[in-house]
Amino acid sequence: MREALKEAHRAFVKDEVPVGCVAVHQGKIIGRGHNQVEMLKDPTAHAEMLALTSAASSLGSKWLNEVSVYVTIEPCSMCAGAMVLARVKNLFYGADDPKTGACGSVFEIAHNKKLNHRIKVTKGVLKENCAQLLKEFFRYKRIKGK
């Protein structure tokens, strides 16, 4: 999760919502990402999507069934759906997202019994660190906007 936090800091510096993600296979990071929605003008350029793409490329496979994903905030429906489609084994996330979280807060995609795959989810990993970075970013944005 500390590596995901480093990615989130990279997003913060670029004036992106500070979300970071890493994908790990056999103890090695095989994919990294941080939000790049504003920079790329792409609504799908979430940290998780970029890390999943990188991980799939690294493994040469669309299936990530032995991969663990670490992300600083609870994934949204798009990202959780992509993880289900990729058959990610484990998801570890920091802060809950009460507005768009799709791993239990608003929706339940990671464990949805109607889908063909379920992800083992562990929440609250370095929760305070992850939440604090988001709070700092939005406080900065409010001050900057005045």
C-alpha atoms as a PDB file:
ATOM      1  CA  MET A   1       0.000   0.000   0.000  1.00  0.00           C
ATOM      2  CA  ARG A   2       2.938   2.318   0.590  1.00  0.00           C
ATOM      3  CA  GLU A   3       3.784   2.019  -3.106  1.00  0.00           C
ATOM      4  CA  ALA A   4       0.171   2.861  -3.998  1.00  0.00           C
ATOM      5  CA  LEU A   5       0.461   5.929  -1.746  1.00  0.00           C
ATOM      6  CA  LYS A   6       3.585   6.980  -3.669  1.00  0.00           C
ATOM      7  CA  GLU A   7       1.534   6.787  -6.854  1.00  0.00           C
ATOM      8  CA  ALA A   8      -1.223   8.857  -5.222  1.00  0.00           C
ATOM      9  CA  HIS A   9       1.345  11.531  -4.342  1.00  0.00           C
ATOM     10  CA  ARG A  10       2.374  11.625  -8.010  1.00  0.00           C
ATOM     11  CA  ALA A  11      -1.246  12.350  -8.919  1.00  0.00           C
ATOM     12  CA  PHE A  12      -1.475  15.088  -6.250  1.00  0.00           C
ATOM     13  CA  VAL A  13       1.576  16.875  -7.664  1.00  0.00           C
ATOM     14  CA  LYS A  14      -0.052  16.785 -11.120  1.00  0.00           C
ATOM     15  CA  ASP A  15      -3.275  18.326  -9.707  1.00  0.00           C
ATOM     16  CA  GLU A  16      -5.138  15.044 -10.178  1.00  0.00           C
ATOM     17  CA  VAL A  17      -7.328  13.451  -7.518  1.00  0.00           C
ATOM     18  CA  PRO A  18      -4.670  11.593  -5.495  1.00  0.00           C
ATOM     19  CA  VAL A  19      -5.463   7.946  -6.067  1.00  0.00           C
ATOM     20  CA  GLY A  20      -2.687   5.439  -6.562  1.00  0.00           C
ATOM     21  CA  CYS A  21      -2.641   1.744  -7.379  1.00  0.00           C
ATOM     22  CA  VAL A  22      -0.180  -1.104  -7.760  1.00  0.00           C
ATOM     23  CA  ALA A  23      -0.710  -4.657  -9.006  1.00  0.00           C
ATOM     24  CA  VAL A  24       1.432  -7.388  -7.454  1.00  0.00           C
ATOM     25  CA  HIS A  25       2.184 -10.872  -8.782  1.00  0.00           C
ATOM     26  CA  GLN A  26       4.392 -13.319  -6.884  1.00  0.00           C
ATOM     27  CA  GLY A  27       5.645 -10.546  -4.607  1.00  0.00           C
ATOM     28  CA  LYS A  28       6.669  -8.243  -7.456  1.00  0.00           C
ATOM     29  CA  ILE A  29       4.950  -5.066  -8.639  1.00  0.00           C
ATOM     30  CA  ILE A  30       3.920  -5.657 -12.246  1.00  0.00           C
ATOM     31  CA  GLY A  31       1.636  -2.659 -12.724  1.00  0.00           C
ATOM     32  CA  ARG A  32       1.424   0.885 -11.400  1.00  0.00           C
ATOM     33  CA  GLY A  33      -0.962   3.726 -11.926  1.00  0.00           C
ATOM     34  CA  HIS A  34      -2.161   7.026 -10.580  1.00  0.00           C
ATOM     35  CA  ASN A  35      -5.105   9.097 -11.694  1.00  0.00           C
ATOM     36  CA  GLN A  36      -4.497  10.868 -15.010  1.00  0.00           C
ATOM     37  CA  VAL A  37      -8.073  11.807 -15.896  1.00  0.00           C
ATOM     38  CA  GLU A  38      -7.388  15.551 -16.227  1.00  0.00           C
ATOM     39  CA  MET A  39      -4.031  15.234 -17.957  1.00  0.00           C
ATOM     40  CA  LEU A  40      -5.244  12.717 -20.548  1.00  0.00           C
ATOM     41  CA  LYS A  41      -8.785  14.164 -20.768  1.00  0.00           C
ATOM     42  CA  ASP A  42      -9.935  10.571 -20.354  1.00  0.00           C
ATOM     43  CA  PRO A  43     -12.657   9.590 -17.873  1.00  0.00           C
ATOM     44  CA  THR A  44     -11.298   6.021 -17.799  1.00  0.00           C
ATOM     45  CA  ALA A  45      -7.747   7.012 -16.785  1.00  0.00           C
ATOM     46  CA  HIS A  46      -8.240   5.955 -13.173  1.00  0.00           C
ATOM     47  CA  ALA A  47      -5.261   4.624 -11.227  1.00  0.00           C
ATOM     48  CA  GLU A  48      -6.720   1.119 -11.157  1.00  0.00           C
ATOM     49  CA  MET A  49      -7.401   0.984 -14.895  1.00  0.00           C
ATOM     50  CA  LEU A  50      -3.854   2.075 -15.699  1.00  0.00           C
ATOM     51  CA  ALA A  51      -2.353  -0.416 -13.237  1.00  0.00           C
ATOM     52  CA  LEU A  52      -4.504  -3.261 -14.609  1.00  0.00           C
ATOM     53  CA  THR A  53      -3.486  -2.465 -18.188  1.00  0.00           C
ATOM     54  CA  SER A  54       0.169  -2.423 -17.163  1.00  0.00           C
ATOM     55  CA  ALA A  55      -0.181  -5.699 -15.241  1.00  0.00           C
ATOM     56  CA  ALA A  56      -1.911  -7.457 -18.145  1.00  0.00           C
ATOM     57  CA  SER A  57       0.833  -6.262 -20.476  1.00  0.00           C
ATOM     58  CA  SER A  58       3.518  -7.444 -18.064  1.00  0.00           C
ATOM     59  CA  LEU A  59       1.978 -10.924 -17.795  1.00  0.00           C
ATOM     60  CA  GLY A  60       0.965 -11.084 -21.459  1.00  0.00           C
ATOM     61  CA  SER A  61      -2.534 -12.096 -20.416  1.00  0.00           C
ATOM     62  CA  LYS A  62      -5.940 -10.550 -19.807  1.00  0.00           C
ATOM     63  CA  TRP A  63      -6.355 -12.870 -16.807  1.00  0.00           C
ATOM     64  CA  LEU A  64      -4.916 -11.567 -13.571  1.00  0.00           C
ATOM     65  CA  ASN A  65      -6.135 -14.439 -11.398  1.00  0.00           C
ATOM     66  CA  GLU A  66      -2.991 -14.582  -9.249  1.00  0.00           C
ATOM     67  CA  VAL A  67      -2.679 -10.794  -8.908  1.00  0.00           C
ATOM     68  CA  SER A  68      -3.308  -8.667  -5.835  1.00  0.00           C
ATOM     69  CA  VAL A  69      -4.287  -5.045  -6.329  1.00  0.00           C
ATOM     70  CA  TYR A  70      -3.537  -2.314  -3.775  1.00  0.00           C
ATOM     71  CA  VAL A  71      -5.393   0.981  -4.185  1.00  0.00           C
ATOM     72  CA  THR A  72      -5.652   3.983  -1.904  1.00  0.00           C
ATOM     73  CA  ILE A  73      -9.445   4.331  -2.158  1.00  0.00           C
ATOM     74  CA  GLU A  74     -12.333   1.949  -2.680  1.00  0.00           C
ATOM     75  CA  PRO A  75     -12.697   1.348  -6.423  1.00  0.00           C
ATOM     76  CA  CYS A  76     -15.610   2.804  -8.381  1.00  0.00           C
ATOM     77  CA  SER A  77     -17.975   0.625 -10.422  1.00  0.00           C
ATOM     78  CA  MET A  78     -15.833   0.899 -13.566  1.00  0.00           C
ATOM     79  CA  CYS A  79     -12.641  -0.145 -11.795  1.00  0.00           C
ATOM     80  CA  ALA A  80     -14.261  -2.869  -9.692  1.00  0.00           C
ATOM     81  CA  GLY A  81     -15.925  -4.209 -12.840  1.00  0.00           C
ATOM     82  CA  ALA A  82     -12.599  -4.276 -14.671  1.00  0.00           C
ATOM     83  CA  MET A  83     -11.039  -6.174 -11.765  1.00  0.00           C
ATOM     84  CA  VAL A  84     -13.845  -8.746 -11.880  1.00  0.00           C
ATOM     85  CA  LEU A  85     -13.440  -9.124 -15.657  1.00  0.00           C
ATOM     86  CA  ALA A  86      -9.669  -9.555 -15.219  1.00  0.00           C
ATOM     87  CA  ARG A  87     -10.326 -12.069 -12.422  1.00  0.00           C
ATOM     88  CA  VAL A  88      -8.100 -10.293  -9.901  1.00  0.00           C
ATOM     89  CA  LYS A  89      -7.558 -12.528  -6.873  1.00  0.00           C
ATOM     90  CA  ASN A  90      -7.221  -9.990  -4.035  1.00  0.00           C
ATOM     91  CA  LEU A  91      -8.061  -6.334  -3.571  1.00  0.00           C
ATOM     92  CA  PHE A  92      -6.637  -4.282  -0.723  1.00  0.00           C
ATOM     93  CA  TYR A  93      -7.830  -0.708  -0.390  1.00  0.00           C
ATOM     94  CA  GLY A  94      -7.333   2.163   2.025  1.00  0.00           C
ATOM     95  CA  ALA A  95     -10.169   4.651   2.384  1.00  0.00           C
ATOM     96  CA  ASP A  96     -13.849   3.887   1.834  1.00  0.00           C
ATOM     97  CA  ASP A  97     -15.622   5.921  -0.861  1.00  0.00           C
ATOM     98  CA  PRO A  98     -19.153   6.698   0.363  1.00  0.00           C
ATOM     99  CA  LYS A  99     -20.047   8.444  -2.920  1.00  0.00           C
ATOM    100  CA  THR A 100     -18.926   6.012  -5.633  1.00  0.00           C
ATOM    101  CA  GLY A 101     -17.421   2.972  -3.896  1.00  0.00           C
ATOM    102  CA  ALA A 102     -18.328  -0.301  -5.576  1.00  0.00           C
ATOM    103  CA  CYS A 103     -16.872  -2.759  -3.075  1.00  0.00           C
ATOM    104  CA  GLY A 104     -19.552  -2.353  -0.440  1.00  0.00           C
ATOM    105  CA  SER A 105     -20.067   1.367   0.198  1.00  0.00           C
ATOM    106  CA  VAL A 106     -22.527   2.201  -2.599  1.00  0.00           C
ATOM    107  CA  PHE A 107     -22.474  -0.876  -4.834  1.00  0.00           C
ATOM    108  CA  GLU A 108     -21.181  -4.401  -4.383  1.00  0.00           C
ATOM    109  CA  ILE A 109     -19.455  -5.456  -7.563  1.00  0.00           C
ATOM    110  CA  ALA A 110     -16.423  -7.262  -6.138  1.00  0.00           C
ATOM    111  CA  HIS A 111     -18.644  -9.871  -4.394  1.00  0.00           C
ATOM    112  CA  ASN A 112     -21.715  -9.832  -6.599  1.00  0.00           C
ATOM    113  CA  LYS A 113     -23.061 -13.384  -6.796  1.00  0.00           C
ATOM    114  CA  LYS A 114     -24.537 -12.725 -10.242  1.00  0.00           C
ATOM    115  CA  LEU A 115     -21.067 -12.184 -11.712  1.00  0.00           C
ATOM    116  CA  ASN A 116     -18.733 -14.990 -12.754  1.00  0.00           C
ATOM    117  CA  HIS A 117     -15.891 -13.981 -10.407  1.00  0.00           C
ATOM    118  CA  ARG A 118     -15.566 -12.626  -6.909  1.00  0.00           C
ATOM    119  CA  ILE A 119     -12.572 -10.839  -5.457  1.00  0.00           C
ATOM    120  CA  LYS A 120     -11.305 -11.261  -1.911  1.00  0.00           C
ATOM    121  CA  VAL A 121     -11.457  -7.719  -0.509  1.00  0.00           C
ATOM    122  CA  THR A 122      -9.550  -6.306   2.458  1.00  0.00           C
ATOM    123  CA  LYS A 123     -10.432  -2.741   3.324  1.00  0.00           C
ATOM    124  CA  GLY A 124      -8.893  -0.154   5.614  1.00  0.00           C
ATOM    125  CA  VAL A 125      -5.216  -0.785   4.793  1.00  0.00           C
ATOM    126  CA  LEU A 126      -3.374   2.411   5.831  1.00  0.00           C
ATOM    127  CA  LYS A 127      -6.831   3.989   5.847  1.00  0.00           C
ATOM    128  CA  GLU A 128      -5.807   7.153   7.710  1.00  0.00           C
ATOM    129  CA  ASN A 129      -2.875   7.882   5.392  1.00  0.00           C
ATOM    130  CA  CYS A 130      -5.015   7.359   2.299  1.00  0.00           C
ATOM    131  CA  ALA A 131      -7.912   9.452   3.601  1.00  0.00           C
ATOM    132  CA  GLN A 132      -5.627  12.260   4.783  1.00  0.00           C
ATOM    133  CA  LEU A 133      -4.076  12.667   1.340  1.00  0.00           C
ATOM    134  CA  LEU A 134      -7.524  13.008  -0.228  1.00  0.00           C
ATOM    135  CA  LYS A 135      -8.616  15.514   2.437  1.00  0.00           C
ATOM    136  CA  GLU A 136      -5.488  17.604   1.870  1.00  0.00           C
ATOM    137  CA  PHE A 137      -6.077  17.628  -1.883  1.00  0.00           C
ATOM    138  CA  PHE A 138      -9.689  18.769  -1.671  1.00  0.00           C
ATOM    139  CA  ARG A 139      -8.863  21.354   1.009  1.00  0.00           C
ATOM    140  CA  TYR A 140      -6.179  22.710  -1.340  1.00  0.00           C
ATOM    141  CA  LYS A 141      -8.667  22.778  -4.225  1.00  0.00           C
ATOM    142  CA  ARG A 142     -11.219  24.715  -2.131  1.00  0.00           C
ATOM    143  CA  ILE A 143      -8.603  27.271  -1.035  1.00  0.00           C
ATOM    144  CA  LYS A 144      -7.258  27.582  -4.583  1.00  0.00           C
ATOM    145  CA  GLY A 145     -10.787  28.109  -5.922  1.00  0.00           C
ATOM    146  CA  LYS A 146     -11.434  31.128  -3.689  1.00  0.00           C
END
